[in-house]
Amino acid sequence: MSDHASVAGDFSSPETVEIIGVTYRQLDYWTRTGLVASTAQGAEGSGSRRRYSYNDLLELKLIKRLLDEGIALHRVREVFDYLRDELGENVASADLVINGNQSLLVRTDEQILDALRQGQGALYLRMEGLIEEVDAAVRELPVEGAPSAGAAVSQTGYRAAQTGT
């Protein structure tokens, strides 16, 4: 798995929308309804702006992937309730298999095979792949305040990822 601890800081709503590939309206709805939280900074009062942590980005990417795979939003909420009960804050610590109405966390290759063997059409979501997608999207963001893409890296959060790869 990638060393996502090196991706420090937080992300504005426009950056988050670009990284995850959703609309602002989707992001706002998911946040307002409690599916995901803007843990770096919540919107408190008129004019305040939400900021999303790297772990928030991973959750959002997983939500988008589940929806893209045809899982209904109410079912995605159930999956996240299960994930949070089992993993707490670290949704990237295990892979996810969805088999019909059952969600399973798998941590080893043997558990993956057992989970996939139990049913036809199981959906296997490899968290390492989602982490790689988020990391790549973060690296593609323009560096705030830099005159050009090759210029010195600013000290505002996620740019730390650009020096690691």
N, C-alpha and C. Protein backbone atom coordinates (compact mmCIF):
# COMPACT_ATOMS: atom_id res chain seq x y z
N MET A 1 0.83 -1.18 0.00
CA MET A 1 0.00 0.00 0.00
C MET A 1 0.87 1.25 0.00
N SER A 2 0.35 2.31 -0.58
CA SER A 2 1.10 3.56 -0.63
C SER A 2 1.23 4.15 0.77
N ASP A 3 2.25 4.96 0.95
CA ASP A 3 2.44 5.61 2.25
C ASP A 3 1.62 6.88 2.25
N HIS A 4 0.30 6.75 2.45
CA HIS A 4 -0.56 7.92 2.36
C HIS A 4 -0.43 8.83 3.56
N ALA A 5 0.33 8.44 4.56
CA ALA A 5 0.58 9.34 5.69
C ALA A 5 1.39 10.55 5.24
N SER A 6 2.12 10.41 4.12
CA SER A 6 2.92 11.54 3.63
C SER A 6 2.05 12.62 2.99
N VAL A 7 0.80 12.31 2.72
CA VAL A 7 -0.12 13.30 2.15
C VAL A 7 -0.75 14.03 3.32
N ALA A 8 -0.15 15.16 3.65
CA ALA A 8 -0.57 15.91 4.84
C ALA A 8 -1.53 17.01 4.45
N GLY A 9 -2.12 17.60 5.45
CA GLY A 9 -2.93 18.78 5.23
C GLY A 9 -4.36 18.48 4.90
N ASP A 10 -4.99 19.45 4.26
CA ASP A 10 -6.39 19.32 3.97
C ASP A 10 -6.68 19.90 2.59
N PHE A 11 -7.92 19.70 2.13
CA PHE A 11 -8.28 20.03 0.76
C PHE A 11 -9.58 20.82 0.76
N SER A 12 -9.62 21.85 -0.06
CA SER A 12 -10.83 22.65 -0.20
C SER A 12 -11.89 21.84 -0.94
N SER A 13 -13.12 22.33 -0.93
CA SER A 13 -14.19 21.65 -1.67
C SER A 13 -13.89 21.58 -3.17
N PRO A 14 -13.43 22.67 -3.81
CA PRO A 14 -13.10 22.57 -5.24
C PRO A 14 -11.98 21.54 -5.52
N GLU A 15 -10.97 21.49 -4.66
CA GLU A 15 -9.91 20.49 -4.84
C GLU A 15 -10.48 19.09 -4.66
N THR A 16 -11.32 18.91 -3.66
CA THR A 16 -11.91 17.61 -3.38
C THR A 16 -12.76 17.14 -4.55
N VAL A 17 -13.57 18.03 -5.11
CA VAL A 17 -14.40 17.70 -6.26
C VAL A 17 -13.53 17.24 -7.42
N GLU A 18 -12.42 17.94 -7.65
CA GLU A 18 -11.52 17.57 -8.75
C GLU A 18 -10.84 16.22 -8.50
N ILE A 19 -10.39 15.99 -7.28
CA ILE A 19 -9.69 14.75 -6.95
C ILE A 19 -10.62 13.55 -7.07
N ILE A 20 -11.83 13.66 -6.55
CA ILE A 20 -12.74 12.53 -6.48
C ILE A 20 -13.50 12.32 -7.79
N GLY A 21 -13.77 13.41 -8.51
CA GLY A 21 -14.50 13.29 -9.77
C GLY A 21 -16.00 13.29 -9.58
N VAL A 22 -16.47 14.10 -8.63
CA VAL A 22 -17.91 14.26 -8.40
C VAL A 22 -18.26 15.73 -8.57
N THR A 23 -19.55 16.03 -8.56
CA THR A 23 -19.96 17.42 -8.64
C THR A 23 -19.95 18.03 -7.24
N TYR A 24 -19.92 19.35 -7.19
CA TYR A 24 -19.99 20.02 -5.90
C TYR A 24 -21.31 19.68 -5.21
N ARG A 25 -22.37 19.61 -5.98
CA ARG A 25 -23.69 19.29 -5.42
C ARG A 25 -23.68 17.92 -4.73
N GLN A 26 -23.05 16.90 -5.36
CA GLN A 26 -22.95 15.58 -4.73
C GLN A 26 -22.16 15.67 -3.43
N LEU A 27 -20.99 16.32 -3.48
CA LEU A 27 -20.15 16.45 -2.29
C LEU A 27 -20.90 17.14 -1.16
N ASP A 28 -21.57 18.22 -1.48
CA ASP A 28 -22.33 18.96 -0.47
C ASP A 28 -23.44 18.09 0.13
N TYR A 29 -24.16 17.37 -0.71
CA TYR A 29 -25.26 16.53 -0.23
C TYR A 29 -24.73 15.42 0.69
N TRP A 30 -23.67 14.75 0.27
CA TRP A 30 -23.12 13.65 1.08
C TRP A 30 -22.63 14.17 2.42
N THR A 31 -22.07 15.39 2.43
CA THR A 31 -21.57 15.97 3.67
C THR A 31 -22.73 16.42 4.56
N ARG A 32 -23.69 17.14 3.99
CA ARG A 32 -24.83 17.62 4.78
C ARG A 32 -25.65 16.48 5.38
N THR A 33 -25.74 15.36 4.66
CA THR A 33 -26.55 14.24 5.16
C THR A 33 -25.76 13.27 6.04
N GLY A 34 -24.49 13.55 6.27
CA GLY A 34 -23.71 12.76 7.20
C GLY A 34 -23.09 11.49 6.63
N LEU A 35 -23.16 11.29 5.32
CA LEU A 35 -22.51 10.13 4.73
C LEU A 35 -20.99 10.22 4.92
N VAL A 36 -20.46 11.42 4.75
CA VAL A 36 -19.05 11.69 4.98
C VAL A 36 -18.96 13.02 5.73
N ALA A 37 -17.86 13.21 6.42
CA ALA A 37 -17.66 14.46 7.16
C ALA A 37 -16.45 15.20 6.58
N SER A 38 -16.49 16.50 6.71
CA SER A 38 -15.31 17.30 6.35
C SER A 38 -14.52 17.47 7.65
N THR A 39 -13.69 16.48 7.96
CA THR A 39 -13.06 16.42 9.28
C THR A 39 -11.97 17.45 9.48
N ALA A 40 -11.38 17.96 8.41
CA ALA A 40 -10.34 18.97 8.58
C ALA A 40 -10.94 20.30 9.04
N GLN A 41 -12.12 20.63 8.51
CA GLN A 41 -12.83 21.84 8.93
C GLN A 41 -14.27 21.75 8.45
N GLY A 42 -15.19 21.77 9.38
CA GLY A 42 -16.60 21.76 9.04
C GLY A 42 -17.08 23.15 8.71
N ALA A 43 -18.21 23.22 8.01
CA ALA A 43 -18.82 24.52 7.70
C ALA A 43 -19.61 24.97 8.91
N GLU A 44 -19.18 26.06 9.51
CA GLU A 44 -19.85 26.58 10.70
C GLU A 44 -20.23 28.03 10.47
N GLY A 45 -21.46 28.23 10.05
CA GLY A 45 -21.92 29.60 9.83
C GLY A 45 -21.74 30.05 8.40
N SER A 46 -22.34 31.18 8.12
CA SER A 46 -22.31 31.75 6.79
C SER A 46 -20.88 32.14 6.38
N GLY A 47 -20.52 31.75 5.17
CA GLY A 47 -19.22 32.13 4.64
C GLY A 47 -18.08 31.20 5.01
N SER A 48 -18.31 30.26 5.91
CA SER A 48 -17.22 29.33 6.26
C SER A 48 -17.10 28.27 5.17
N ARG A 49 -15.96 27.68 5.08
CA ARG A 49 -15.68 26.71 4.03
C ARG A 49 -15.23 25.39 4.62
N ARG A 50 -15.77 24.32 4.06
CA ARG A 50 -15.36 22.98 4.50
C ARG A 50 -13.99 22.66 3.93
N ARG A 51 -13.24 21.88 4.71
CA ARG A 51 -11.96 21.35 4.24
C ARG A 51 -11.94 19.87 4.57
N TYR A 52 -11.46 19.08 3.64
CA TYR A 52 -11.50 17.62 3.75
C TYR A 52 -10.09 17.07 3.97
N SER A 53 -9.98 16.11 4.87
CA SER A 53 -8.70 15.45 5.14
C SER A 53 -8.45 14.38 4.08
N TYR A 54 -7.24 13.85 4.08
CA TYR A 54 -6.90 12.78 3.15
C TYR A 54 -7.80 11.57 3.38
N ASN A 55 -8.06 11.21 4.63
CA ASN A 55 -8.94 10.08 4.91
C ASN A 55 -10.35 10.35 4.41
N ASP A 56 -10.80 11.60 4.48
CA ASP A 56 -12.10 11.96 3.89
C ASP A 56 -12.09 11.68 2.39
N LEU A 57 -10.98 12.01 1.73
CA LEU A 57 -10.86 11.76 0.29
C LEU A 57 -11.00 10.27 -0.01
N LEU A 58 -10.37 9.43 0.81
CA LEU A 58 -10.47 7.99 0.59
C LEU A 58 -11.91 7.51 0.74
N GLU A 59 -12.59 8.01 1.75
CA GLU A 59 -14.00 7.65 1.94
C GLU A 59 -14.83 8.11 0.74
N LEU A 60 -14.60 9.33 0.30
CA LEU A 60 -15.35 9.85 -0.84
C LEU A 60 -15.09 9.05 -2.10
N LYS A 61 -13.84 8.66 -2.32
CA LYS A 61 -13.50 7.86 -3.50
C LYS A 61 -14.20 6.50 -3.44
N LEU A 62 -14.26 5.92 -2.25
CA LEU A 62 -14.95 4.64 -2.09
C LEU A 62 -16.45 4.80 -2.34
N ILE A 63 -17.04 5.88 -1.83
CA ILE A 63 -18.46 6.15 -2.07
C ILE A 63 -18.72 6.25 -3.58
N LYS A 64 -17.89 7.03 -4.26
CA LYS A 64 -18.06 7.20 -5.70
C LYS A 64 -17.93 5.87 -6.42
N ARG A 65 -16.96 5.07 -6.05
CA ARG A 65 -16.75 3.77 -6.70
C ARG A 65 -17.97 2.86 -6.50
N LEU A 66 -18.49 2.83 -5.27
CA LEU A 66 -19.67 2.00 -4.99
C LEU A 66 -20.86 2.46 -5.84
N LEU A 67 -21.07 3.76 -5.92
CA LEU A 67 -22.16 4.28 -6.74
C LEU A 67 -21.95 3.97 -8.22
N ASP A 68 -20.70 4.11 -8.68
CA ASP A 68 -20.38 3.79 -10.07
C ASP A 68 -20.64 2.31 -10.39
N GLU A 69 -20.49 1.46 -9.38
CA GLU A 69 -20.73 0.02 -9.56
C GLU A 69 -22.21 -0.34 -9.48
N GLY A 70 -23.07 0.67 -9.28
CA GLY A 70 -24.50 0.43 -9.29
C GLY A 70 -25.12 0.18 -7.92
N ILE A 71 -24.35 0.39 -6.86
CA ILE A 71 -24.88 0.23 -5.51
C ILE A 71 -25.73 1.47 -5.19
N ALA A 72 -26.94 1.26 -4.70
CA ALA A 72 -27.83 2.38 -4.37
C ALA A 72 -27.28 3.16 -3.19
N LEU A 73 -27.59 4.46 -3.15
CA LEU A 73 -27.05 5.33 -2.11
C LEU A 73 -27.43 4.85 -0.71
N HIS A 74 -28.66 4.38 -0.52
CA HIS A 74 -29.03 3.89 0.81
C HIS A 74 -28.20 2.67 1.21
N ARG A 75 -27.84 1.85 0.24
CA ARG A 75 -26.98 0.68 0.50
C ARG A 75 -25.55 1.14 0.81
N VAL A 76 -25.07 2.18 0.13
CA VAL A 76 -23.75 2.74 0.40
C VAL A 76 -23.69 3.22 1.84
N ARG A 77 -24.75 3.85 2.30
CA ARG A 77 -24.81 4.30 3.70
C ARG A 77 -24.70 3.11 4.66
N GLU A 78 -25.37 2.01 4.34
CA GLU A 78 -25.28 0.80 5.16
C GLU A 78 -23.85 0.25 5.17
N VAL A 79 -23.22 0.23 4.01
CA VAL A 79 -21.83 -0.25 3.91
C VAL A 79 -20.93 0.61 4.78
N PHE A 80 -21.12 1.93 4.75
CA PHE A 80 -20.26 2.81 5.54
C PHE A 80 -20.53 2.69 7.03
N ASP A 81 -21.77 2.45 7.41
CA ASP A 81 -22.06 2.17 8.82
C ASP A 81 -21.28 0.94 9.27
N TYR A 82 -21.30 -0.09 8.43
CA TYR A 82 -20.56 -1.33 8.73
C TYR A 82 -19.06 -1.06 8.80
N LEU A 83 -18.52 -0.34 7.81
CA LEU A 83 -17.09 -0.03 7.79
C LEU A 83 -16.67 0.74 9.04
N ARG A 84 -17.44 1.73 9.40
CA ARG A 84 -17.08 2.54 10.57
C ARG A 84 -17.17 1.74 11.86
N ASP A 85 -18.15 0.83 11.94
CA ASP A 85 -18.25 -0.04 13.12
C ASP A 85 -17.05 -0.96 13.23
N GLU A 86 -16.60 -1.49 12.08
CA GLU A 86 -15.52 -2.47 12.08
C GLU A 86 -14.12 -1.85 12.08
N LEU A 87 -13.97 -0.72 11.38
CA LEU A 87 -12.64 -0.15 11.19
C LEU A 87 -12.43 1.19 11.88
N GLY A 88 -13.46 1.78 12.38
CA GLY A 88 -13.32 3.10 12.97
C GLY A 88 -13.04 4.12 11.89
N GLU A 89 -12.01 4.91 12.09
CA GLU A 89 -11.67 5.99 11.17
C GLU A 89 -10.86 5.54 9.96
N ASN A 90 -10.26 4.37 10.00
CA ASN A 90 -9.32 3.98 8.96
C ASN A 90 -9.96 3.04 7.94
N VAL A 91 -10.72 3.59 7.00
CA VAL A 91 -11.39 2.75 6.01
C VAL A 91 -10.41 2.10 5.04
N ALA A 92 -9.18 2.57 4.98
CA ALA A 92 -8.21 2.04 4.04
C ALA A 92 -7.44 0.84 4.59
N SER A 93 -7.79 0.37 5.77
CA SER A 93 -7.00 -0.70 6.39
C SER A 93 -7.41 -2.10 5.95
N ALA A 94 -8.48 -2.24 5.19
CA ALA A 94 -8.90 -3.56 4.71
C ALA A 94 -9.64 -3.38 3.39
N ASP A 95 -9.65 -4.43 2.59
CA ASP A 95 -10.40 -4.42 1.35
C ASP A 95 -11.86 -4.77 1.65
N LEU A 96 -12.72 -4.52 0.70
CA LEU A 96 -14.15 -4.70 0.89
C LEU A 96 -14.71 -5.62 -0.18
N VAL A 97 -15.51 -6.59 0.24
CA VAL A 97 -16.24 -7.45 -0.68
C VAL A 97 -17.72 -7.28 -0.39
N ILE A 98 -18.49 -7.00 -1.44
CA ILE A 98 -19.94 -6.89 -1.30
C ILE A 98 -20.55 -8.04 -2.09
N ASN A 99 -21.31 -8.85 -1.38
CA ASN A 99 -21.92 -10.04 -1.95
C ASN A 99 -23.41 -9.98 -1.64
N GLY A 100 -24.19 -9.53 -2.61
CA GLY A 100 -25.63 -9.37 -2.37
C GLY A 100 -25.85 -8.29 -1.32
N ASN A 101 -26.50 -8.66 -0.23
CA ASN A 101 -26.77 -7.72 0.86
C ASN A 101 -25.72 -7.77 1.95
N GLN A 102 -24.68 -8.53 1.75
CA GLN A 102 -23.65 -8.71 2.78
C GLN A 102 -22.37 -7.95 2.40
N SER A 103 -21.82 -7.24 3.39
CA SER A 103 -20.53 -6.56 3.23
C SER A 103 -19.52 -7.28 4.09
N LEU A 104 -18.36 -7.56 3.52
CA LEU A 104 -17.31 -8.26 4.24
C LEU A 104 -16.00 -7.50 4.13
N LEU A 105 -15.26 -7.45 5.21
CA LEU A 105 -13.92 -6.88 5.18
C LEU A 105 -12.94 -8.03 5.05
N VAL A 106 -11.95 -7.84 4.20
CA VAL A 106 -10.94 -8.88 4.02
C VAL A 106 -9.56 -8.26 4.16
N ARG A 107 -8.70 -8.96 4.87
CA ARG A 107 -7.36 -8.44 5.13
C ARG A 107 -6.25 -9.31 4.56
N THR A 108 -6.58 -10.54 4.18
CA THR A 108 -5.57 -11.44 3.63
C THR A 108 -6.07 -12.03 2.32
N ASP A 109 -5.15 -12.57 1.51
CA ASP A 109 -5.54 -13.19 0.25
C ASP A 109 -6.49 -14.36 0.49
N GLU A 110 -6.27 -15.11 1.55
CA GLU A 110 -7.13 -16.25 1.87
C GLU A 110 -8.56 -15.80 2.16
N GLN A 111 -8.70 -14.71 2.92
CA GLN A 111 -10.03 -14.18 3.22
C GLN A 111 -10.71 -13.69 1.94
N ILE A 112 -9.95 -13.12 1.03
CA ILE A 112 -10.51 -12.64 -0.23
C ILE A 112 -11.08 -13.82 -1.02
N LEU A 113 -10.30 -14.89 -1.15
CA LEU A 113 -10.77 -16.05 -1.89
C LEU A 113 -12.01 -16.65 -1.24
N ASP A 114 -12.03 -16.76 0.08
CA ASP A 114 -13.20 -17.30 0.78
C ASP A 114 -14.43 -16.43 0.53
N ALA A 115 -14.26 -15.14 0.60
CA ALA A 115 -15.39 -14.22 0.42
C ALA A 115 -15.93 -14.29 -1.00
N LEU A 116 -15.05 -14.35 -1.98
CA LEU A 116 -15.48 -14.38 -3.36
C LEU A 116 -16.07 -15.74 -3.75
N ARG A 117 -15.66 -16.79 -3.10
CA ARG A 117 -16.14 -18.12 -3.37
C ARG A 117 -17.60 -18.31 -2.96
N GLN A 118 -18.05 -17.52 -2.00
CA GLN A 118 -19.37 -17.74 -1.42
C GLN A 118 -20.52 -17.33 -2.32
N GLY A 119 -20.29 -16.54 -3.33
CA GLY A 119 -21.42 -16.13 -4.15
C GLY A 119 -21.02 -15.68 -5.53
N GLN A 120 -21.99 -15.69 -6.41
CA GLN A 120 -21.78 -15.21 -7.77
C GLN A 120 -21.90 -13.68 -7.78
N GLY A 121 -21.12 -13.05 -8.59
CA GLY A 121 -21.26 -11.62 -8.77
C GLY A 121 -20.85 -10.77 -7.60
N ALA A 122 -19.94 -11.24 -6.77
CA ALA A 122 -19.47 -10.43 -5.66
C ALA A 122 -18.61 -9.28 -6.19
N LEU A 123 -18.70 -8.14 -5.53
CA LEU A 123 -17.91 -6.96 -5.88
C LEU A 123 -16.74 -6.87 -4.91
N TYR A 124 -15.53 -6.88 -5.47
CA TYR A 124 -14.33 -6.79 -4.65
C TYR A 124 -13.68 -5.43 -4.88
N LEU A 125 -13.55 -4.63 -3.82
CA LEU A 125 -12.94 -3.31 -3.91
C LEU A 125 -11.60 -3.32 -3.19
N ARG A 126 -10.55 -3.18 -3.95
CA ARG A 126 -9.19 -3.18 -3.43
C ARG A 126 -8.84 -1.76 -3.00
N MET A 127 -8.66 -1.55 -1.70
CA MET A 127 -8.40 -0.20 -1.19
C MET A 127 -7.09 0.36 -1.70
N GLU A 128 -6.11 -0.50 -1.92
CA GLU A 128 -4.83 -0.01 -2.43
C GLU A 128 -5.02 0.69 -3.77
N GLY A 129 -5.90 0.17 -4.61
CA GLY A 129 -6.18 0.81 -5.89
C GLY A 129 -6.82 2.17 -5.73
N LEU A 130 -7.74 2.29 -4.78
CA LEU A 130 -8.37 3.59 -4.52
C LEU A 130 -7.35 4.59 -3.99
N ILE A 131 -6.47 4.13 -3.13
CA ILE A 131 -5.42 5.00 -2.58
C ILE A 131 -4.52 5.50 -3.70
N GLU A 132 -4.14 4.61 -4.61
CA GLU A 132 -3.30 5.01 -5.73
C GLU A 132 -4.00 6.04 -6.61
N GLU A 133 -5.31 5.86 -6.84
CA GLU A 133 -6.07 6.83 -7.65
C GLU A 133 -6.12 8.20 -6.98
N VAL A 134 -6.36 8.22 -5.67
CA VAL A 134 -6.42 9.49 -4.94
C VAL A 134 -5.05 10.15 -4.95
N ASP A 135 -3.99 9.37 -4.69
CA ASP A 135 -2.64 9.93 -4.70
C ASP A 135 -2.30 10.56 -6.05
N ALA A 136 -2.66 9.86 -7.14
CA ALA A 136 -2.37 10.38 -8.47
C ALA A 136 -3.14 11.68 -8.73
N ALA A 137 -4.40 11.72 -8.31
CA ALA A 137 -5.21 12.93 -8.51
C ALA A 137 -4.68 14.09 -7.68
N VAL A 138 -4.20 13.81 -6.47
CA VAL A 138 -3.62 14.86 -5.62
C VAL A 138 -2.37 15.42 -6.27
N ARG A 139 -1.54 14.56 -6.83
CA ARG A 139 -0.31 15.03 -7.49
C ARG A 139 -0.61 15.89 -8.71
N GLU A 140 -1.76 15.69 -9.34
CA GLU A 140 -2.14 16.45 -10.53
C GLU A 140 -2.65 17.85 -10.20
N LEU A 141 -3.01 18.10 -8.95
CA LEU A 141 -3.52 19.42 -8.58
C LEU A 141 -2.42 20.47 -8.74
N PRO A 142 -2.80 21.66 -9.18
CA PRO A 142 -1.79 22.72 -9.25
C PRO A 142 -1.35 23.11 -7.84
N VAL A 143 -0.10 23.48 -7.72
CA VAL A 143 0.45 23.90 -6.44
C VAL A 143 0.02 25.35 -6.20
N GLU A 144 -0.61 25.59 -5.05
CA GLU A 144 -1.08 26.94 -4.72
C GLU A 144 0.08 27.90 -4.57
N GLY A 145 -0.03 29.03 -5.23
CA GLY A 145 0.95 30.09 -5.07
C GLY A 145 2.25 29.89 -5.83
N ALA A 146 2.38 28.80 -6.56
CA ALA A 146 3.62 28.57 -7.30
C ALA A 146 3.50 29.16 -8.70
N PRO A 147 4.55 29.82 -9.21
CA PRO A 147 4.49 30.43 -10.52
C PRO A 147 4.39 29.42 -11.66
N SER A 148 4.91 28.21 -11.47
CA SER A 148 4.82 27.18 -12.51
C SER A 148 4.77 25.82 -11.85
N ALA A 149 4.44 24.80 -12.64
CA ALA A 149 4.30 23.45 -12.10
C ALA A 149 5.61 22.92 -11.52
N GLY A 150 6.74 23.35 -12.05
CA GLY A 150 8.03 22.87 -11.58
C GLY A 150 8.63 23.71 -10.47
N ALA A 151 7.91 24.70 -10.03
CA ALA A 151 8.43 25.63 -9.02
C ALA A 151 8.46 24.99 -7.64
N ALA A 152 8.99 25.74 -6.70
CA ALA A 152 9.09 25.26 -5.32
C ALA A 152 7.72 24.87 -4.80
N VAL A 153 7.69 23.83 -4.00
CA VAL A 153 6.45 23.30 -3.45
C VAL A 153 6.00 24.15 -2.28
N SER A 154 4.72 24.54 -2.29
CA SER A 154 4.21 25.34 -1.18
C SER A 154 4.08 24.47 0.06
N GLN A 155 3.90 25.09 1.19
CA GLN A 155 3.82 24.34 2.45
C GLN A 155 2.37 24.08 2.84
N THR A 156 1.44 24.16 1.94
CA THR A 156 0.04 23.99 2.30
C THR A 156 -0.41 22.57 2.03
N GLY A 157 -0.12 21.69 2.92
CA GLY A 157 -0.75 20.38 2.98
C GLY A 157 -0.28 19.35 1.99
N TYR A 158 -1.14 19.01 1.04
CA TYR A 158 -0.99 17.83 0.24
C TYR A 158 0.22 17.85 -0.66
N ARG A 159 0.84 18.95 -0.87
CA ARG A 159 1.98 19.03 -1.78
C ARG A 159 3.14 18.15 -1.31
N ALA A 160 3.12 17.73 -0.06
CA ALA A 160 4.15 16.82 0.44
C ALA A 160 4.19 15.53 -0.37
N ALA A 161 3.06 15.14 -0.94
CA ALA A 161 2.99 13.91 -1.72
C ALA A 161 3.82 14.03 -2.99
N GLN A 162 3.98 15.24 -3.53
CA GLN A 162 4.70 15.41 -4.78
C GLN A 162 6.19 15.12 -4.62
N THR A 163 6.72 15.27 -3.44
CA THR A 163 8.15 15.03 -3.25
C THR A 163 8.45 13.56 -3.02
N GLY A 164 7.43 12.77 -2.69
CA GLY A 164 7.66 11.37 -2.34
C GLY A 164 7.72 10.44 -3.52
N THR A 165 7.21 10.84 -4.69
CA THR A 165 7.21 9.92 -5.82
C THR A 165 7.75 10.54 -7.05
